[in-house]
Amino acid sequence: MRNYMMTLGITVLLFAPVSTWADGPSADASHQAYALNDARSLTAGGLLSLASFQDEPLTKEEAESAVEGEGTLIDKSDQSGTNPVNFTFDLRIYNEYQWLNVDGDGEQNTTTLEFRVPFADGKWQFRVRARGNYVNADLPDAGRSPGMFSRRHLDRRRGFLPSLDSDPGIDDCGFGDVDFRFLTVPYFSVEKRFAFAAGLEVFLDTAHEDTLGSGSTSLGPQIFLGFFRPFGLPIDGFFPGYQHKFDVDGNDVHQSVIDLYVLKTWKNKTLWMLLDPQIILDYENNTEFCLFDAEFGTMLDDLLGTKGHSFYVRPSAGIGTDRPFDASIEIGYKIVW
């Protein structure tokens, strides 16, 4: 099973050349639970710009027009930031507060600055994220919670929980880890209402304190699929994803994240809701847990007189004995152009 997961993760690095590209597209097994920020977000916005699919099969002319970005199926004016297939310039700042799963009191607050940029004629996207992290946790008696500190991960919008092998408690604040990602869409079929995306994420051990980062430099190849208006359901898309993370510095990181992402939009994509359950499997520590996110967002342009500005709220809950946190709340602001 272990070898199979590793093989599946690494194969996404082999991208086959294609003649037609779409207009642009969540989990980390960190030192002690640092990742899941993009595992939560393998598909953190879903692959959507195809929100106006019709129920009838597409004609050849409609499909060709859509691929060229001139039809109704790919909306180049979409500035909600919910569509990773739509490779735009994107600046985000968001803050997440977590109630940690520890024996005593525990909290973590992570502020993230994120930037995305298309390159190679829009066929690829580069994303980078930097974090400021604050962790405060009282660990009575045993000094740690079995459900939290054992190379757990918590990536994507999450910060990363610390290593507390010797301390009875921590109270640290400072610069956290940095990660970056390259993403592309090697296959995209408008007629089949299907897309395949693949990428490589690199997690750097940049935190100035061990408690504020993962303590490991890791790679995370990922894949995700896009099913648009699937199964006759009243949703814009369903986007299952998989990421495998492994260390490159001998810190024994070996983890998989299975991401199941659903997107629904209203009012020409000015309002949206995301439901994003994730399953995290940590092979090094023989643990597993689930996270469930729900995001609610709105465009702000009519209110502020701007273009491409939006705001969202994202509550989340941890499920399982090994969960790194009980609950969290994230608020974010995006500018897309």
C-alpha atoms as a PDB file:
ATOM      1  CA  MET A   1       0.000   0.000   0.000  1.00  0.00           C
ATOM      2  CA  ARG A   2       2.819   2.354   0.956  1.00  0.00           C
ATOM      3  CA  ASN A   3       4.689   1.774  -2.308  1.00  0.00           C
ATOM      4  CA  TYR A   4       1.503   2.164  -4.295  1.00  0.00           C
ATOM      5  CA  MET A   5       0.738   5.555  -2.764  1.00  0.00           C
ATOM      6  CA  MET A   6       4.285   6.757  -3.387  1.00  0.00           C
ATOM      7  CA  THR A   7       4.152   5.640  -7.014  1.00  0.00           C
ATOM      8  CA  LEU A   8       0.805   7.324  -7.591  1.00  0.00           C
ATOM      9  CA  GLY A   9       2.050  10.583  -6.118  1.00  0.00           C
ATOM     10  CA  ILE A  10       5.278  10.707  -8.118  1.00  0.00           C
ATOM     11  CA  THR A  11       3.682   9.921 -11.468  1.00  0.00           C
ATOM     12  CA  VAL A  12       2.009  13.326 -11.552  1.00  0.00           C
ATOM     13  CA  LEU A  13       5.413  14.832 -12.237  1.00  0.00           C
ATOM     14  CA  LEU A  14       5.368  13.336 -15.728  1.00  0.00           C
ATOM     15  CA  PHE A  15       3.229  15.746 -17.701  1.00  0.00           C
ATOM     16  CA  ALA A  16       2.446  14.725 -21.271  1.00  0.00           C
ATOM     17  CA  PRO A  17       2.433  17.523 -23.889  1.00  0.00           C
ATOM     18  CA  VAL A  18      -0.971  18.489 -25.233  1.00  0.00           C
ATOM     19  CA  SER A  19      -2.111  20.546 -28.172  1.00  0.00           C
ATOM     20  CA  THR A  20      -4.963  22.359 -26.431  1.00  0.00           C
ATOM     21  CA  TRP A  21      -4.766  23.999 -22.992  1.00  0.00           C
ATOM     22  CA  ALA A  22      -7.487  25.407 -20.766  1.00  0.00           C
ATOM     23  CA  ASP A  23      -7.293  29.012 -19.679  1.00  0.00           C
ATOM     24  CA  GLY A  24      -5.658  28.310 -16.384  1.00  0.00           C
ATOM     25  CA  PRO A  25      -6.462  25.831 -13.160  1.00  0.00           C
ATOM     26  CA  SER A  26      -5.248  20.689  -0.904  1.00  0.00           C
ATOM     27  CA  ALA A  27      -1.646  18.390   3.894  1.00  0.00           C
ATOM     28  CA  ASP A  28       1.425  18.260   4.906  1.00  0.00           C
ATOM     29  CA  ALA A  29       3.181  15.760   7.150  1.00  0.00           C
ATOM     30  CA  SER A  30       5.216  18.326   8.864  1.00  0.00           C
ATOM     31  CA  HIS A  31       7.490  18.285  11.852  1.00  0.00           C
ATOM     32  CA  GLN A  32       4.502  18.053  14.136  1.00  0.00           C
ATOM     33  CA  ALA A  33       1.360  18.754  12.203  1.00  0.00           C
ATOM     34  CA  TYR A  34       2.227  21.697  10.110  1.00  0.00           C
ATOM     35  CA  ALA A  35       0.564  21.013   6.904  1.00  0.00           C
ATOM     36  CA  LEU A  36      -2.840  20.871   5.441  1.00  0.00           C
ATOM     37  CA  ASN A  37      -3.159  24.287   4.138  1.00  0.00           C
ATOM     38  CA  ASP A  38      -3.518  23.185   0.619  1.00  0.00           C
ATOM     39  CA  ALA A  39      -4.587  19.784   1.287  1.00  0.00           C
ATOM     40  CA  ARG A  40      -7.502  21.496   2.621  1.00  0.00           C
ATOM     41  CA  SER A  41      -6.867  22.915  -0.454  1.00  0.00           C
ATOM     42  CA  LEU A  42      -5.776  20.539  -3.047  1.00  0.00           C
ATOM     43  CA  THR A  43      -8.654  22.065  -4.873  1.00  0.00           C
ATOM     44  CA  ALA A  44      -9.053  25.057  -2.736  1.00  0.00           C
ATOM     45  CA  GLY A  45     -11.131  26.820  -5.242  1.00  0.00           C
ATOM     46  CA  GLY A  46     -12.260  24.068  -7.444  1.00  0.00           C
ATOM     47  CA  LEU A  47     -11.504  23.997 -11.120  1.00  0.00           C
ATOM     48  CA  LEU A  48     -14.302  26.332 -12.061  1.00  0.00           C
ATOM     49  CA  SER A  49     -14.930  28.874 -14.606  1.00  0.00           C
ATOM     50  CA  LEU A  50     -17.231  26.451 -16.246  1.00  0.00           C
ATOM     51  CA  ALA A  51     -20.124  27.407 -14.033  1.00  0.00           C
ATOM     52  CA  SER A  52     -22.598  28.029 -16.835  1.00  0.00           C
ATOM     53  CA  PHE A  53     -22.724  24.549 -18.334  1.00  0.00           C
ATOM     54  CA  GLN A  54     -25.886  23.584 -20.122  1.00  0.00           C
ATOM     55  CA  ASP A  55     -27.542  20.216 -19.598  1.00  0.00           C
ATOM     56  CA  GLU A  56     -27.612  19.433 -23.341  1.00  0.00           C
ATOM     57  CA  PRO A  57     -24.549  17.994 -25.142  1.00  0.00           C
ATOM     58  CA  LEU A  58     -22.294  20.619 -26.715  1.00  0.00           C
ATOM     59  CA  THR A  59     -21.972  21.144 -30.419  1.00  0.00           C
ATOM     60  CA  LYS A  60     -18.523  21.119 -31.970  1.00  0.00           C
ATOM     61  CA  GLU A  61     -18.702  24.896 -32.494  1.00  0.00           C
ATOM     62  CA  GLU A  62     -19.657  25.494 -28.850  1.00  0.00           C
ATOM     63  CA  ALA A  63     -16.808  23.322 -27.608  1.00  0.00           C
ATOM     64  CA  GLU A  64     -14.224  25.033 -29.819  1.00  0.00           C
ATOM     65  CA  SER A  65     -15.474  28.448 -28.790  1.00  0.00           C
ATOM     66  CA  ALA A  66     -15.354  27.516 -25.123  1.00  0.00           C
ATOM     67  CA  VAL A  67     -11.783  26.239 -25.309  1.00  0.00           C
ATOM     68  CA  GLU A  68     -10.768  29.490 -26.947  1.00  0.00           C
ATOM     69  CA  GLY A  69     -12.315  31.342 -24.015  1.00  0.00           C
ATOM     70  CA  GLU A  70     -14.952  33.035 -26.163  1.00  0.00           C
ATOM     71  CA  GLY A  71     -17.974  30.899 -25.313  1.00  0.00           C
ATOM     72  CA  THR A  72     -20.206  30.701 -22.283  1.00  0.00           C
ATOM     73  CA  LEU A  73     -18.449  27.731 -20.691  1.00  0.00           C
ATOM     74  CA  ILE A  74     -15.203  29.443 -19.735  1.00  0.00           C
ATOM     75  CA  ASP A  75     -15.799  32.859 -18.253  1.00  0.00           C
ATOM     76  CA  LYS A  76     -12.661  34.972 -18.485  1.00  0.00           C
ATOM     77  CA  SER A  77     -14.400  37.710 -16.530  1.00  0.00           C
ATOM     78  CA  ASP A  78     -14.630  35.456 -13.456  1.00  0.00           C
ATOM     79  CA  GLN A  79     -12.692  37.227 -10.701  1.00  0.00           C
ATOM     80  CA  SER A  80     -14.019  35.301  -7.720  1.00  0.00           C
ATOM     81  CA  GLY A  81     -10.738  33.406  -7.286  1.00  0.00           C
ATOM     82  CA  THR A  82     -12.650  30.139  -6.901  1.00  0.00           C
ATOM     83  CA  ASN A  83     -11.345  28.657 -10.147  1.00  0.00           C
ATOM     84  CA  PRO A  84      -7.772  27.315 -10.233  1.00  0.00           C
ATOM     85  CA  VAL A  85      -8.217  26.466 -13.908  1.00  0.00           C
ATOM     86  CA  ASN A  86      -8.514  30.174 -14.600  1.00  0.00           C
ATOM     87  CA  PHE A  87      -4.894  31.282 -14.226  1.00  0.00           C
ATOM     88  CA  THR A  88      -5.128  34.933 -13.243  1.00  0.00           C
ATOM     89  CA  PHE A  89      -3.009  37.243 -11.117  1.00  0.00           C
ATOM     90  CA  ASP A  90      -4.231  36.743  -7.584  1.00  0.00           C
ATOM     91  CA  LEU A  91      -3.294  38.340  -4.249  1.00  0.00           C
ATOM     92  CA  ARG A  92      -4.806  37.027  -1.007  1.00  0.00           C
ATOM     93  CA  ILE A  93      -4.454  37.621   2.701  1.00  0.00           C
ATOM     94  CA  TYR A  94      -6.266  35.434   5.212  1.00  0.00           C
ATOM     95  CA  ASN A  95      -6.216  34.687   8.916  1.00  0.00           C
ATOM     96  CA  GLU A  96      -7.172  31.428  10.613  1.00  0.00           C
ATOM     97  CA  TYR A  97      -7.772  30.879  14.322  1.00  0.00           C
ATOM     98  CA  GLN A  98      -7.735  27.279  15.611  1.00  0.00           C
ATOM     99  CA  TRP A  99      -8.856  25.667  18.845  1.00  0.00           C
ATOM    100  CA  LEU A 100      -6.207  22.970  19.232  1.00  0.00           C
ATOM    101  CA  ASN A 101      -6.841  19.376  20.248  1.00  0.00           C
ATOM    102  CA  VAL A 102      -4.678  19.297  23.393  1.00  0.00           C
ATOM    103  CA  ASP A 103      -5.230  18.140  26.978  1.00  0.00           C
ATOM    104  CA  GLY A 104      -5.036  21.696  28.291  1.00  0.00           C
ATOM    105  CA  ASP A 105      -5.876  24.994  26.610  1.00  0.00           C
ATOM    106  CA  GLY A 106      -4.468  25.471  23.135  1.00  0.00           C
ATOM    107  CA  GLU A 107      -4.802  27.958  20.309  1.00  0.00           C
ATOM    108  CA  GLN A 108      -3.067  28.790  17.075  1.00  0.00           C
ATOM    109  CA  ASN A 109      -3.424  31.876  14.896  1.00  0.00           C
ATOM    110  CA  THR A 110      -1.944  31.909  11.385  1.00  0.00           C
ATOM    111  CA  THR A 111      -1.871  34.853   8.983  1.00  0.00           C
ATOM    112  CA  THR A 112      -1.024  33.954   5.370  1.00  0.00           C
ATOM    113  CA  LEU A 113      -0.043  36.109   2.406  1.00  0.00           C
ATOM    114  CA  GLU A 114      -0.525  34.359  -0.946  1.00  0.00           C
ATOM    115  CA  PHE A 115       0.291  35.353  -4.529  1.00  0.00           C
ATOM    116  CA  ARG A 116      -0.527  33.518  -7.782  1.00  0.00           C
ATOM    117  CA  VAL A 117       0.742  34.320 -11.261  1.00  0.00           C
ATOM    118  CA  PRO A 118       0.310  32.613 -14.672  1.00  0.00           C
ATOM    119  CA  PHE A 119       3.297  31.966 -16.940  1.00  0.00           C
ATOM    120  CA  ALA A 120       4.251  30.078 -20.111  1.00  0.00           C
ATOM    121  CA  ASP A 121       1.423  31.745 -22.055  1.00  0.00           C
ATOM    122  CA  GLY A 122      -1.054  30.924 -19.307  1.00  0.00           C
ATOM    123  CA  LYS A 123      -0.451  27.173 -19.441  1.00  0.00           C
ATOM    124  CA  TRP A 124       1.101  27.097 -15.977  1.00  0.00           C
ATOM    125  CA  GLN A 125       0.484  28.813 -12.674  1.00  0.00           C
ATOM    126  CA  PHE A 126       2.943  29.632  -9.886  1.00  0.00           C
ATOM    127  CA  ARG A 127       1.716  30.127  -6.320  1.00  0.00           C
ATOM    128  CA  VAL A 128       3.701  31.139  -3.233  1.00  0.00           C
ATOM    129  CA  ARG A 129       2.539  31.453   0.390  1.00  0.00           C
ATOM    130  CA  ALA A 130       4.261  32.925   3.453  1.00  0.00           C
ATOM    131  CA  ARG A 131       2.939  32.734   7.002  1.00  0.00           C
ATOM    132  CA  GLY A 132       3.125  34.457  10.339  1.00  0.00           C
ATOM    133  CA  ASN A 133       2.258  32.084  13.160  1.00  0.00           C
ATOM    134  CA  TYR A 134       1.297  32.288  16.833  1.00  0.00           C
ATOM    135  CA  VAL A 135       0.945  29.150  18.970  1.00  0.00           C
ATOM    136  CA  ASN A 136      -0.067  28.950  22.628  1.00  0.00           C
ATOM    137  CA  ALA A 137      -0.704  25.585  24.268  1.00  0.00           C
ATOM    138  CA  ASP A 138      -0.775  24.295  27.852  1.00  0.00           C
ATOM    139  CA  LEU A 139       0.063  20.597  28.027  1.00  0.00           C
ATOM    140  CA  PRO A 140      -0.528  19.318  31.569  1.00  0.00           C
ATOM    141  CA  ASP A 141       0.750  16.003  32.882  1.00  0.00           C
ATOM    142  CA  ALA A 142       2.013  14.065  29.842  1.00  0.00           C
ATOM    143  CA  GLY A 143       3.039  17.269  28.113  1.00  0.00           C
ATOM    144  CA  ARG A 144       1.318  16.501  24.854  1.00  0.00           C
ATOM    145  CA  SER A 145      -1.937  15.319  23.427  1.00  0.00           C
ATOM    146  CA  PRO A 146      -1.860  11.986  21.587  1.00  0.00           C
ATOM    147  CA  GLY A 147      -4.350  13.404  19.156  1.00  0.00           C
ATOM    148  CA  MET A 148      -2.206  16.292  18.095  1.00  0.00           C
ATOM    149  CA  PHE A 149       1.563  16.111  18.356  1.00  0.00           C
ATOM    150  CA  SER A 150       3.094  13.243  16.441  1.00  0.00           C
ATOM    151  CA  ARG A 151       4.096  14.590  13.044  1.00  0.00           C
ATOM    152  CA  ARG A 152       0.538  15.512  12.363  1.00  0.00           C
ATOM    153  CA  HIS A 153      -0.173  17.813   9.492  1.00  0.00           C
ATOM    154  CA  LEU A 154      -2.375  20.620   8.814  1.00  0.00           C
ATOM    155  CA  ASP A 155      -1.684  22.347   5.566  1.00  0.00           C
ATOM    156  CA  ARG A 156      -3.282  24.591   3.111  1.00  0.00           C
ATOM    157  CA  ARG A 157      -4.938  27.348   4.945  1.00  0.00           C
ATOM    158  CA  ARG A 158      -3.721  25.953   8.179  1.00  0.00           C
ATOM    159  CA  GLY A 159      -0.623  26.824   9.963  1.00  0.00           C
ATOM    160  CA  PHE A 160       1.498  24.067  11.312  1.00  0.00           C
ATOM    161  CA  LEU A 161       1.334  22.647  14.741  1.00  0.00           C
ATOM    162  CA  PRO A 162       4.524  22.485  16.737  1.00  0.00           C
ATOM    163  CA  SER A 163       6.947  19.901  18.055  1.00  0.00           C
ATOM    164  CA  LEU A 164       6.585  19.589  21.800  1.00  0.00           C
ATOM    165  CA  ASP A 165       8.640  16.553  22.733  1.00  0.00           C
ATOM    166  CA  SER A 166      10.195  18.175  25.798  1.00  0.00           C
ATOM    167  CA  ASP A 167       8.221  21.344  26.617  1.00  0.00           C
ATOM    168  CA  PRO A 168       5.208  21.221  28.979  1.00  0.00           C
ATOM    169  CA  GLY A 169       3.763  24.145  27.034  1.00  0.00           C
ATOM    170  CA  ILE A 170       4.580  26.763  24.417  1.00  0.00           C
ATOM    171  CA  ASP A 171       3.917  30.415  23.702  1.00  0.00           C
ATOM    172  CA  ASP A 172       5.698  31.393  20.477  1.00  0.00           C
ATOM    173  CA  CYS A 173       5.097  33.936  17.731  1.00  0.00           C
ATOM    174  CA  GLY A 174       7.008  34.650  14.535  1.00  0.00           C
ATOM    175  CA  PHE A 175       7.644  33.810  10.894  1.00  0.00           C
ATOM    176  CA  GLY A 176       6.442  30.382   9.761  1.00  0.00           C
ATOM    177  CA  ASP A 177       7.100  28.130   6.785  1.00  0.00           C
ATOM    178  CA  VAL A 178       6.952  29.112   3.094  1.00  0.00           C
ATOM    179  CA  ASP A 179       5.631  26.897   0.315  1.00  0.00           C
ATOM    180  CA  PHE A 180       5.257  27.270  -3.441  1.00  0.00           C
ATOM    181  CA  ARG A 181       3.486  25.312  -6.169  1.00  0.00           C
ATOM    182  CA  PHE A 182       3.547  24.814  -9.953  1.00  0.00           C
ATOM    183  CA  LEU A 183       0.214  23.767 -11.454  1.00  0.00           C
ATOM    184  CA  THR A 184      -0.987  22.918 -14.974  1.00  0.00           C
ATOM    185  CA  VAL A 185      -3.962  21.319 -16.756  1.00  0.00           C
ATOM    186  CA  PRO A 186      -2.683  18.629 -19.141  1.00  0.00           C
ATOM    187  CA  TYR A 187      -6.168  17.539 -20.159  1.00  0.00           C
ATOM    188  CA  PHE A 188      -9.351  19.542 -20.553  1.00  0.00           C
ATOM    189  CA  SER A 189     -12.501  18.479 -22.414  1.00  0.00           C
ATOM    190  CA  VAL A 190     -15.432  20.845 -22.619  1.00  0.00           C
ATOM    191  CA  GLU A 191     -17.576  18.308 -24.441  1.00  0.00           C
ATOM    192  CA  LYS A 192     -17.009  15.709 -21.719  1.00  0.00           C
ATOM    193  CA  ARG A 193     -17.217  18.330 -18.960  1.00  0.00           C
ATOM    194  CA  PHE A 194     -14.019  16.995 -17.484  1.00  0.00           C
ATOM    195  CA  ALA A 195     -10.557  18.309 -16.590  1.00  0.00           C
ATOM    196  CA  PHE A 196      -7.385  16.822 -15.153  1.00  0.00           C
ATOM    197  CA  ALA A 197      -4.917  19.012 -13.255  1.00  0.00           C
ATOM    198  CA  ALA A 198      -1.492  18.152 -11.871  1.00  0.00           C
ATOM    199  CA  GLY A 199       1.164  19.997  -9.953  1.00  0.00           C
ATOM    200  CA  LEU A 200       4.118  19.912  -7.614  1.00  0.00           C
ATOM    201  CA  GLU A 201       4.161  21.667  -4.255  1.00  0.00           C
ATOM    202  CA  VAL A 202       7.398  22.404  -2.363  1.00  0.00           C
ATOM    203  CA  PHE A 203       7.313  22.993   1.412  1.00  0.00           C
ATOM    204  CA  LEU A 204      10.332  24.831   2.837  1.00  0.00           C
ATOM    205  CA  ASP A 205      11.498  24.677   6.450  1.00  0.00           C
ATOM    206  CA  THR A 206      11.805  28.444   6.940  1.00  0.00           C
ATOM    207  CA  ALA A 207      10.257  29.018  10.390  1.00  0.00           C
ATOM    208  CA  HIS A 208      12.571  30.791  12.825  1.00  0.00           C
ATOM    209  CA  GLU A 209      11.338  28.570  15.681  1.00  0.00           C
ATOM    210  CA  ASP A 210      10.659  24.823  15.519  1.00  0.00           C
ATOM    211  CA  THR A 211       7.249  25.348  17.108  1.00  0.00           C
ATOM    212  CA  LEU A 212       6.197  27.691  14.283  1.00  0.00           C
ATOM    213  CA  GLY A 213       6.810  25.393  11.344  1.00  0.00           C
ATOM    214  CA  SER A 214       7.009  21.873  10.018  1.00  0.00           C
ATOM    215  CA  GLY A 215      10.682  21.223  10.710  1.00  0.00           C
ATOM    216  CA  SER A 216      10.971  19.549   7.301  1.00  0.00           C
ATOM    217  CA  THR A 217      11.574  20.359   3.649  1.00  0.00           C
ATOM    218  CA  SER A 218       9.114  18.260   1.656  1.00  0.00           C
ATOM    219  CA  LEU A 219       7.678  17.684  -1.811  1.00  0.00           C
ATOM    220  CA  GLY A 220       3.985  17.179  -2.505  1.00  0.00           C
ATOM    221  CA  PRO A 221       2.996  16.066  -6.021  1.00  0.00           C
ATOM    222  CA  GLN A 222      -0.749  16.352  -6.503  1.00  0.00           C
ATOM    223  CA  ILE A 223      -3.510  15.587  -8.967  1.00  0.00           C
ATOM    224  CA  PHE A 224      -7.180  16.490  -9.070  1.00  0.00           C
ATOM    225  CA  LEU A 225     -10.084  15.910 -11.394  1.00  0.00           C
ATOM    226  CA  GLY A 226     -12.857  18.284 -12.388  1.00  0.00           C
ATOM    227  CA  PHE A 227     -16.394  17.064 -13.085  1.00  0.00           C
ATOM    228  CA  PHE A 228     -18.547  20.016 -14.151  1.00  0.00           C
ATOM    229  CA  ARG A 229     -22.288  19.956 -13.481  1.00  0.00           C
ATOM    230  CA  PRO A 230     -21.944  16.236 -12.663  1.00  0.00           C
ATOM    231  CA  PHE A 231     -24.645  13.607 -12.357  1.00  0.00           C
ATOM    232  CA  GLY A 232     -27.439  16.118 -12.894  1.00  0.00           C
ATOM    233  CA  LEU A 233     -26.806  17.661  -9.465  1.00  0.00           C
ATOM    234  CA  PRO A 234     -27.476  21.385  -8.847  1.00  0.00           C
ATOM    235  CA  ILE A 235     -23.790  22.171  -8.268  1.00  0.00           C
ATOM    236  CA  ASP A 236     -21.111  23.805 -10.393  1.00  0.00           C
ATOM    237  CA  GLY A 237     -18.557  21.082  -9.938  1.00  0.00           C
ATOM    238  CA  PHE A 238     -17.125  18.152  -8.015  1.00  0.00           C
ATOM    239  CA  PHE A 239     -13.324  18.010  -7.700  1.00  0.00           C
ATOM    240  CA  PRO A 240     -11.728  14.979  -6.037  1.00  0.00           C
ATOM    241  CA  GLY A 241      -7.996  15.338  -5.450  1.00  0.00           C
ATOM    242  CA  TYR A 242      -5.001  13.441  -4.110  1.00  0.00           C
ATOM    243  CA  GLN A 243      -1.644  14.631  -2.776  1.00  0.00           C
ATOM    244  CA  HIS A 244       1.286  12.602  -1.531  1.00  0.00           C
ATOM    245  CA  LYS A 245       3.888  14.329   0.603  1.00  0.00           C
ATOM    246  CA  PHE A 246       7.371  13.071   1.363  1.00  0.00           C
ATOM    247  CA  ASP A 247      10.467  14.627   2.884  1.00  0.00           C
ATOM    248  CA  VAL A 248      13.749  15.315   1.090  1.00  0.00           C
ATOM    249  CA  ASP A 249      15.827  15.984   4.212  1.00  0.00           C
ATOM    250  CA  GLY A 250      15.523  12.749   6.183  1.00  0.00           C
ATOM    251  CA  ASN A 251      12.732  13.832   8.523  1.00  0.00           C
ATOM    252  CA  ASP A 252      10.492  10.829   7.785  1.00  0.00           C
ATOM    253  CA  VAL A 253       7.505  12.598   6.247  1.00  0.00           C
ATOM    254  CA  HIS A 254       5.147  10.213   4.439  1.00  0.00           C
ATOM    255  CA  GLN A 255       1.556  11.318   4.114  1.00  0.00           C
ATOM    256  CA  SER A 256      -1.431  11.295   1.782  1.00  0.00           C
ATOM    257  CA  VAL A 257      -4.397  13.636   1.554  1.00  0.00           C
ATOM    258  CA  ILE A 258      -7.642  12.773  -0.209  1.00  0.00           C
ATOM    259  CA  ASP A 259      -9.677  15.875  -0.982  1.00  0.00           C
ATOM    260  CA  LEU A 260     -13.362  15.906  -2.008  1.00  0.00           C
ATOM    261  CA  TYR A 261     -14.438  19.364  -3.071  1.00  0.00           C
ATOM    262  CA  VAL A 262     -17.851  20.677  -4.097  1.00  0.00           C
ATOM    263  CA  LEU A 263     -18.567  24.173  -5.441  1.00  0.00           C
ATOM    264  CA  LYS A 264     -21.864  25.993  -5.820  1.00  0.00           C
ATOM    265  CA  THR A 265     -22.210  29.575  -7.092  1.00  0.00           C
ATOM    266  CA  TRP A 266     -25.072  32.049  -7.469  1.00  0.00           C
ATOM    267  CA  LYS A 267     -25.715  35.384  -9.169  1.00  0.00           C
ATOM    268  CA  ASN A 268     -23.147  35.046 -11.961  1.00  0.00           C
ATOM    269  CA  LYS A 269     -20.514  33.719  -9.544  1.00  0.00           C
ATOM    270  CA  THR A 270     -20.675  36.739  -7.237  1.00  0.00           C
ATOM    271  CA  LEU A 271     -21.766  34.467  -4.363  1.00  0.00           C
ATOM    272  CA  TRP A 272     -20.389  31.013  -3.646  1.00  0.00           C
ATOM    273  CA  MET A 273     -20.295  28.135  -1.177  1.00  0.00           C
ATOM    274  CA  LEU A 274     -17.623  25.437  -0.928  1.00  0.00           C
ATOM    275  CA  LEU A 275     -17.899  22.133   0.918  1.00  0.00           C
ATOM    276  CA  ASP A 276     -14.516  20.498   1.316  1.00  0.00           C
ATOM    277  CA  PRO A 277     -14.080  17.267   3.327  1.00  0.00           C
ATOM    278  CA  GLN A 278     -10.540  15.857   3.493  1.00  0.00           C
ATOM    279  CA  ILE A 279      -9.079  12.549   4.672  1.00  0.00           C
ATOM    280  CA  ILE A 280      -5.488  12.615   5.946  1.00  0.00           C
ATOM    281  CA  LEU A 281      -3.380   9.459   6.208  1.00  0.00           C
ATOM    282  CA  ASP A 282      -0.034   9.632   8.041  1.00  0.00           C
ATOM    283  CA  TYR A 283       1.942   6.475   7.260  1.00  0.00           C
ATOM    284  CA  GLU A 284       4.929   7.314   9.463  1.00  0.00           C
ATOM    285  CA  ASN A 285       2.818   7.623  12.601  1.00  0.00           C
ATOM    286  CA  ASN A 286      -0.001   5.218  11.687  1.00  0.00           C
ATOM    287  CA  THR A 287      -2.660   7.854  12.255  1.00  0.00           C
ATOM    288  CA  GLU A 288      -5.556   9.259  10.280  1.00  0.00           C
ATOM    289  CA  PHE A 289      -8.212  11.932  10.707  1.00  0.00           C
ATOM    290  CA  CYS A 290     -10.678  14.032   8.726  1.00  0.00           C
ATOM    291  CA  LEU A 291     -11.305  17.735   8.278  1.00  0.00           C
ATOM    292  CA  PHE A 292     -14.491  19.346   7.056  1.00  0.00           C
ATOM    293  CA  ASP A 293     -14.476  22.909   5.683  1.00  0.00           C
ATOM    294  CA  ALA A 294     -17.351  25.080   4.509  1.00  0.00           C
ATOM    295  CA  GLU A 295     -16.591  28.383   2.791  1.00  0.00           C
ATOM    296  CA  PHE A 296     -19.029  31.230   2.115  1.00  0.00           C
ATOM    297  CA  GLY A 297     -17.849  34.101  -0.083  1.00  0.00           C
ATOM    298  CA  THR A 298     -19.049  37.180  -1.934  1.00  0.00           C
ATOM    299  CA  MET A 299     -17.701  39.684  -4.441  1.00  0.00           C
ATOM    300  CA  LEU A 300     -17.356  43.236  -3.077  1.00  0.00           C
ATOM    301  CA  ASP A 301     -17.094  45.217  -6.297  1.00  0.00           C
ATOM    302  CA  ASP A 302     -20.632  46.625  -6.252  1.00  0.00           C
ATOM    303  CA  LEU A 303     -20.149  47.740  -2.667  1.00  0.00           C
ATOM    304  CA  LEU A 304     -16.630  49.179  -2.963  1.00  0.00           C
ATOM    305  CA  GLY A 305     -16.588  50.276  -6.595  1.00  0.00           C
ATOM    306  CA  THR A 306     -13.578  48.030  -7.213  1.00  0.00           C
ATOM    307  CA  LYS A 307     -12.809  45.206  -9.643  1.00  0.00           C
ATOM    308  CA  GLY A 308     -11.905  41.682  -8.572  1.00  0.00           C
ATOM    309  CA  HIS A 309     -12.218  42.184  -4.803  1.00  0.00           C
ATOM    310  CA  SER A 310     -13.915  39.531  -2.660  1.00  0.00           C
ATOM    311  CA  PHE A 311     -14.307  38.356   0.948  1.00  0.00           C
ATOM    312  CA  TYR A 312     -15.004  34.957   2.478  1.00  0.00           C
ATOM    313  CA  VAL A 313     -15.516  33.147   5.793  1.00  0.00           C
ATOM    314  CA  ARG A 314     -14.395  29.526   6.211  1.00  0.00           C
ATOM    315  CA  PRO A 315     -15.299  27.547   9.356  1.00  0.00           C
ATOM    316  CA  SER A 316     -13.797  24.082   9.796  1.00  0.00           C
ATOM    317  CA  ALA A 317     -14.023  21.085  12.133  1.00  0.00           C
ATOM    318  CA  GLY A 318     -11.574  18.283  12.889  1.00  0.00           C
ATOM    319  CA  ILE A 319     -12.888  14.711  13.129  1.00  0.00           C
ATOM    320  CA  GLY A 320     -11.173  11.730  14.751  1.00  0.00           C
ATOM    321  CA  THR A 321      -8.941  11.075  17.760  1.00  0.00           C
ATOM    322  CA  ASP A 322      -5.812  12.175  15.882  1.00  0.00           C
ATOM    323  CA  ARG A 323      -7.247  15.508  14.717  1.00  0.00           C
ATOM    324  CA  PRO A 324      -4.818  18.434  15.252  1.00  0.00           C
ATOM    325  CA  PHE A 325      -7.601  20.881  16.126  1.00  0.00           C
ATOM    326  CA  ASP A 326     -11.207  20.735  17.229  1.00  0.00           C
ATOM    327  CA  ALA A 327     -12.488  23.681  15.200  1.00  0.00           C
ATOM    328  CA  SER A 328     -11.230  26.741  13.353  1.00  0.00           C
ATOM    329  CA  ILE A 329     -12.475  29.893  11.654  1.00  0.00           C
ATOM    330  CA  GLU A 330     -10.796  31.649   8.737  1.00  0.00           C
ATOM    331  CA  ILE A 331     -11.540  34.990   7.126  1.00  0.00           C
ATOM    332  CA  GLY A 332      -9.927  36.138   3.890  1.00  0.00           C
ATOM    333  CA  TYR A 333      -9.699  38.937   1.337  1.00  0.00           C
ATOM    334  CA  LYS A 334      -8.798  38.405  -2.339  1.00  0.00           C
ATOM    335  CA  ILE A 335      -7.875  40.687  -5.230  1.00  0.00           C
ATOM    336  CA  VAL A 336      -7.936  39.043  -8.672  1.00  0.00           C
ATOM    337  CA  TRP A 337      -6.911  40.720 -11.941  1.00  0.00           C
END
